[in-house]
C-alpha atoms as a PDB file:
ATOM      1  CA  MET A   1       3.340  -1.168  11.481  1.00  0.00           C
ATOM      2  CA  MET A   2       0.732  -3.451  10.683  1.00  0.00           C
ATOM      3  CA  VAL A   3      -1.820  -5.726  12.895  1.00  0.00           C
ATOM      4  CA  VAL A   4      -2.792  -9.136  11.627  1.00  0.00           C
ATOM      5  CA  GLY A   5      -5.211 -11.847  11.667  1.00  0.00           C
ATOM      6  CA  LEU A   6      -8.653  -9.634  11.188  1.00  0.00           C
ATOM      7  CA  LYS A   7     -10.252 -12.234   9.529  1.00  0.00           C
ATOM      8  CA  GLY A   8      -9.209 -15.225  12.038  1.00  0.00           C
ATOM      9  CA  THR A   9     -11.577 -16.543  15.096  1.00  0.00           C
ATOM     10  CA  SER A  10      -9.651 -18.157  17.022  1.00  0.00           C
ATOM     11  CA  ASN A  11      -7.772 -16.778  20.470  1.00  0.00           C
ATOM     12  CA  GLY A  12      -9.970 -14.665  21.218  1.00  0.00           C
ATOM     13  CA  ARG A  13     -11.242 -13.108  17.935  1.00  0.00           C
ATOM     14  CA  SER A  14     -14.869 -14.110  18.379  1.00  0.00           C
ATOM     15  CA  CYS A  15     -17.406 -12.962  20.554  1.00  0.00           C
ATOM     16  CA  GLU A  16     -21.637 -12.825  21.113  1.00  0.00           C
ATOM     17  CA  GLN A  17     -21.487 -10.091  18.971  1.00  0.00           C
ATOM     18  CA  HIS A  18     -19.289 -11.324  15.829  1.00  0.00           C
ATOM     19  CA  THR A  19     -18.608 -14.486  14.407  1.00  0.00           C
ATOM     20  CA  CYS A  20     -15.448 -12.422  13.165  1.00  0.00           C
ATOM     21  CA  CYS A  21     -14.310  -9.695  15.386  1.00  0.00           C
ATOM     22  CA  GLY A  22     -11.588  -8.204  12.731  1.00  0.00           C
ATOM     23  CA  SER A  23     -14.243  -8.186  10.166  1.00  0.00           C
ATOM     24  CA  CYS A  24     -15.709  -4.868  11.436  1.00  0.00           C
ATOM     25  CA  ILE A  25     -12.709  -2.944  11.351  1.00  0.00           C
ATOM     26  CA  GLN A  26     -12.741   0.598   9.651  1.00  0.00           C
ATOM     27  CA  VAL A  27      -9.994   3.085   8.585  1.00  0.00           C
ATOM     28  CA  GLY A  28     -10.206   5.447  11.656  1.00  0.00           C
ATOM     29  CA  ASP A  29     -10.954   2.539  14.472  1.00  0.00           C
ATOM     30  CA  LEU A  30      -8.850   2.756  17.199  1.00  0.00           C
ATOM     31  CA  LEU A  31      -7.059   0.072  19.042  1.00  0.00           C
ATOM     32  CA  HIS A  32      -5.574  -0.332  22.121  1.00  0.00           C
ATOM     33  CA  PHE A  33      -2.460  -2.992  22.552  1.00  0.00           C
ATOM     34  CA  LYS A  34      -1.868  -5.116  25.477  1.00  0.00           C
ATOM     35  CA  ILE A  35       0.309  -8.443  26.141  1.00  0.00           C
ATOM     36  CA  GLY A  36      -1.545 -11.553  26.102  1.00  0.00           C
ATOM     37  CA  VAL A  37      -0.861 -15.362  26.179  1.00  0.00           C
ATOM     38  CA  VAL A  38      -2.070 -17.792  23.226  1.00  0.00           C
ATOM     39  CA  GLN A  39      -2.001 -21.693  23.076  1.00  0.00           C
ATOM     40  CA  HIS A  40      -2.023 -23.022  19.644  1.00  0.00           C
ATOM     41  CA  GLY A  41      -3.393 -26.379  18.245  1.00  0.00           C
ATOM     42  CA  ASP A  42       0.165 -28.073  18.950  1.00  0.00           C
ATOM     43  CA  GLY A  43       0.060 -27.129  22.730  1.00  0.00           C
ATOM     44  CA  MET A  44       2.466 -24.467  21.912  1.00  0.00           C
ATOM     45  CA  VAL A  45       2.281 -21.298  24.256  1.00  0.00           C
ATOM     46  CA  GLU A  46       3.306 -17.825  22.714  1.00  0.00           C
ATOM     47  CA  THR A  47       3.286 -14.375  24.144  1.00  0.00           C
ATOM     48  CA  VAL A  48       1.546 -11.913  21.753  1.00  0.00           C
ATOM     49  CA  VAL A  49       0.372  -8.423  21.285  1.00  0.00           C
ATOM     50  CA  LYS A  50      -3.383  -8.145  21.438  1.00  0.00           C
ATOM     51  CA  ALA A  51      -4.783  -5.371  19.286  1.00  0.00           C
ATOM     52  CA  ILE A  52      -8.097  -4.635  20.819  1.00  0.00           C
ATOM     53  CA  LEU A  53     -11.152  -2.481  19.970  1.00  0.00           C
ATOM     54  CA  ILE A  54     -12.220   0.732  21.425  1.00  0.00           C
ATOM     55  CA  TRP A  55     -15.917   1.377  20.465  1.00  0.00           C
ATOM     56  CA  GLY A  56     -17.536   4.802  22.264  1.00  0.00           C
ATOM     57  CA  GLY A  57     -14.585   4.813  24.302  1.00  0.00           C
ATOM     58  CA  THR A  58     -15.226   1.586  25.791  1.00  0.00           C
ATOM     59  CA  LYS A  59     -12.213  -1.661  25.498  1.00  0.00           C
ATOM     60  CA  THR A  60     -14.017  -4.346  23.019  1.00  0.00           C
ATOM     61  CA  CYS A  61     -13.031  -7.043  21.496  1.00  0.00           C
ATOM     62  CA  THR A  62      -9.846  -8.360  20.472  1.00  0.00           C
ATOM     63  CA  VAL A  63      -9.474  -7.862  16.760  1.00  0.00           C
ATOM     64  CA  GLY A  64      -5.899  -9.298  15.771  1.00  0.00           C
ATOM     65  CA  PHE A  65      -2.378  -9.285  17.096  1.00  0.00           C
ATOM     66  CA  ALA A  66       0.873  -7.082  16.348  1.00  0.00           C
ATOM     67  CA  LEU A  67       3.802  -8.810  14.535  1.00  0.00           C
ATOM     68  CA  ARG A  68       5.838 -11.257  16.163  1.00  0.00           C
ATOM     69  CA  HIS A  69       8.713  -9.431  16.126  1.00  0.00           C
ATOM     70  CA  ILE A  70       6.717  -6.441  17.824  1.00  0.00           C
ATOM     71  CA  ALA A  71       6.126  -9.258  20.890  1.00  0.00           C
ATOM     72  CA  VAL A  72       9.568  -9.906  21.201  1.00  0.00           C
ATOM     73  CA  VAL A  73      10.868  -7.127  21.258  1.00  0.00           C
ATOM     74  CA  GLU A  74       7.663  -5.889  23.355  1.00  0.00           C
ATOM     75  CA  ARG A  75       8.884  -8.240  26.141  1.00  0.00           C
ATOM     76  CA  LYS A  76      13.184  -7.065  26.088  1.00  0.00           C
ATOM     77  CA  CYS A  77      12.157  -3.142  26.340  1.00  0.00           C
ATOM     78  CA  GLY A  78       8.196  -2.120  25.444  1.00  0.00           C
ATOM     79  CA  LEU A  79       7.317  -0.767  22.354  1.00  0.00           C
ATOM     80  CA  ILE A  80       3.509  -0.263  22.092  1.00  0.00           C
ATOM     81  CA  ALA A  81       1.743  -2.219  24.745  1.00  0.00           C
ATOM     82  CA  LYS A  82      -0.390  -0.225  26.712  1.00  0.00           C
ATOM     83  CA  HIS A  83      -0.574   2.438  23.954  1.00  0.00           C
ATOM     84  CA  PHE A  84      -3.213   3.394  21.295  1.00  0.00           C
ATOM     85  CA  ALA A  85      -3.515   3.167  17.908  1.00  0.00           C
ATOM     86  CA  GLN A  86      -5.160   4.433  14.582  1.00  0.00           C
ATOM     87  CA  ILE A  87      -6.440   2.171  11.245  1.00  0.00           C
ATOM     88  CA  ILE A  88      -4.801   4.131   8.337  1.00  0.00           C
ATOM     89  CA  GLU A  89      -5.346   1.684   5.923  1.00  0.00           C
ATOM     90  CA  LEU A  90      -7.118  -2.082   5.050  1.00  0.00           C
ATOM     91  CA  TYR A  91      -5.567  -4.208   2.842  1.00  0.00           C
ATOM     92  CA  ASP A  92      -8.207  -5.960   1.777  1.00  0.00           C
ATOM     93  CA  LEU A  93      -9.510  -2.750   0.070  1.00  0.00           C
ATOM     94  CA  TYR A  94      -6.421  -2.615  -2.140  1.00  0.00           C
ATOM     95  CA  GLU A  95      -6.595  -4.173  -5.791  1.00  0.00           C
ATOM     96  CA  SER A  96      -3.269  -5.108  -6.051  1.00  0.00           C
ATOM     97  CA  ALA A  97      -2.532  -9.014  -6.731  1.00  0.00           C
ATOM     98  CA  SER A  98       1.147  -8.777  -4.054  1.00  0.00           C
ATOM     99  CA  LYS A  99      -1.352  -7.178  -1.316  1.00  0.00           C
ATOM    100  CA  LYS A 100      -4.209  -9.316  -1.764  1.00  0.00           C
ATOM    101  CA  ALA A 101      -2.008 -11.687  -1.029  1.00  0.00           C
ATOM    102  CA  LYS A 102      -0.023 -10.559   1.734  1.00  0.00           C
ATOM    103  CA  THR A 103      -3.410  -9.813   3.593  1.00  0.00           C
ATOM    104  CA  ASP A 104      -4.756 -13.482   2.657  1.00  0.00           C
ATOM    105  CA  ARG A 105      -1.639 -14.963   3.637  1.00  0.00           C
ATOM    106  CA  ASN A 106      -1.848 -12.936   6.873  1.00  0.00           C
ATOM    107  CA  GLN A 107      -5.980 -13.820   7.680  1.00  0.00           C
ATOM    108  CA  GLY A 108      -6.392  -9.890   7.206  1.00  0.00           C
ATOM    109  CA  MET A 109      -3.924  -7.251   7.538  1.00  0.00           C
ATOM    110  CA  ALA A 110      -4.330  -3.441   8.115  1.00  0.00           C
ATOM    111  CA  SER A 111      -1.513  -1.016   9.353  1.00  0.00           C
ATOM    112  CA  TYR A 112      -1.941   2.155  12.138  1.00  0.00           C
ATOM    113  CA  CYS A 113      -0.055   4.621  13.550  1.00  0.00           C
ATOM    114  CA  LEU A 114       0.202   4.668  17.276  1.00  0.00           C
ATOM    115  CA  LEU A 115      -1.344   7.992  18.905  1.00  0.00           C
ATOM    116  CA  LYS A 116       1.789   8.670  20.868  1.00  0.00           C
ATOM    117  CA  ASP A 117       3.800   9.252  17.021  1.00  0.00           C
ATOM    118  CA  ILE A 118       1.403  11.411  15.401  1.00  0.00           C
ATOM    119  CA  PRO A 119       3.480  15.155  15.548  1.00  0.00           C
ATOM    120  CA  SER A 120       1.642  18.011  17.263  1.00  0.00           C
ATOM    121  CA  GLN A 121       0.278  20.795  14.925  1.00  0.00           C
ATOM    122  CA  GLU A 122       1.568  24.478  15.261  1.00  0.00           C
END
């Protein structure tokens, strides 16, 4: 699963501490997902799933968004809202031209693992 928009600064992705909140994301960081609404420049309103950074046990900045199709599923039957996830890879760190193009097209991308999906060690 992916979080997109890490390099964007609109729709709550900048704060007093960060010009671009998603630029501070690292592998291993924790996120919390929350349903939200954003308004685009053309006046269109969209339901989204915000990815909020957990820092020191506290919810801090909105760093990006779950993919659009996740927000559609979330409205119908729920999937990730209110769950926690851990960043497992950042696409900016790849040397692959196709992955760099994909992250540029999506304003920064990272993949994550929902914490509820982690198998228990026996």
